[in-house]
Amino acid sequence: MVKKSFLLRGSLILFVSHVLMRILDFAYRVAMGRMLVPYDYGLLNLAIPLQFMIVLVAVAGVAPSVAKFVSKHRARGDLEKVSEVVSSAMFYYSIIGLGIGFLFFLLARPIAIYLFHVEELVPILWMAALIIPVTIYLAIYSGTFQGFKKMHYMSYSFLISHILRLVLAIAFVSIGWRAFGAITGSMLGFMITVPLIIYLYRKLRVRYTKAVFKTFREIFYFSIPISITALATVLLATTDVFFIGAMLDPVKVGIYSAASPVARFPITFSVAVATTLLPLVSESHEKKDNKVKGHVDESIKMITVAIAPMVLLLFAFGGPIIVWLFGSDYAAAVQPLKTLTIGVAFMSYFVMSSGTFQGIGKPRIPMYVLLGAVLFNAGLNAYLIPLHGINGAAIATAISSAAAGFVSLGLVKALVK
């Protein structure tokens, strides 16, 4: 009962914080959608997915990997090893983050001009590159909080960064910086949050030690499939946007981008469950106490009960929601919203399954599932967008997301029997 209580309590803490973050993210997107014309809003939504993908390549596997090894060594009572894990990750991943950020900065112009044929995108991508080294620190500290089961610490840092992102973006767009101001506000929101996270980390009383490359290598190898999975997750969610940008125009990207974040709201709860589930499964797997199946079954029930009403609400009232949030210029996003919502419902089970696979030390399984879904999605987008426009993109993503959810859920149920 203690473990189930923590699973529910931790999931609810993170769910509330993720809901608040979603609200803040919606507020950011709605404010930008209303303050920017669809063309500028389309530029912003070409830059943000690229930024997220590069960040994911650099750090997406860091937080779950650090959480996995921190919880593993805490279960053994080895706090010296916990300090070594955090310090080693901090030193070596910082070098990697600086290198990837610099590379993305150099590639910004070729991406903007040769891929999307929009030179105005160049300074926006330059600004997006600056956030990459900062996210290294955020990911390591978040993984440490997760490993210590300090879900409220994670929540504080997430919420502060999103509040700052919204406020600063509105301020910069208001003075005429357009899409560049929106991405600048996002970048500064993360940077200003770093001191708060350092303060929370010090409350754990984990000391910094000498970085050990062997320890980092263990974390790094474990993180590779997680990073690939995270990258594939963003690709699955943004392939439609990139295909619309390449095959149609920025205005269509802007309209479609009003549907996508709204449709993905139900997945918020499954992210909270997966984040809480990982250290539980890791500890149970390390102690061999045969409780992994119980944790998984409990998670499936929680997700099903939580997301069903959210999906039905979005499907039934998608039209008024879109028009109320973004205005009548985005009314064409209503049908894509309804279609995407169906796929997101099944994708929620993939998210939960990924946390389970990572906790038992098998992060490659969700990686393979999602890579297959991404390739399938790309093929469907290429075929359906010329036939049905942005509605075709939504159909392709919904089908691919549902396939990933079904396959991963079947695999995790079979594995934890």
Foldseek 3Di string as FASTA:
>chain_A
DVLLVLLVVQLVLQLVLLLLLLVLVLLLLLLLLALADLLLLLLLLVQVLVLQLLLLLLFQLQLLLLLLVLLLVVLVVNLVVNQQLLQQLLVVSLVSQVVSLVVQLVCLQVCVCVQLNHNVSNLLSNLSSVLNSLVSLVRSLNSNCLNVSVSNLNSVLSNQLSVQLRVQLSVQVVVPPGSSSSSNSNSVSSVVSNVVSVVVSVVVVRDHDDHDVVSVVVSVVLSVLSSLLSSLVSLLLCVLLSLLSRPPHSSLSSLQVLQSSLLLSLLSSLLSSLSNLQSVLLSCLSVVPLCLLVSLVSSVVVSVVRRVVVLVVCLVCVQVVSCVSNNPSNNVNSLLNNLLNLLSSLLSQLSNLCSNCSSNSRNNVLSVLSVVLSVQLNVQSVVQCVPPNSNSNSNSSSVSSNSSSVVSNVVSNVVSD
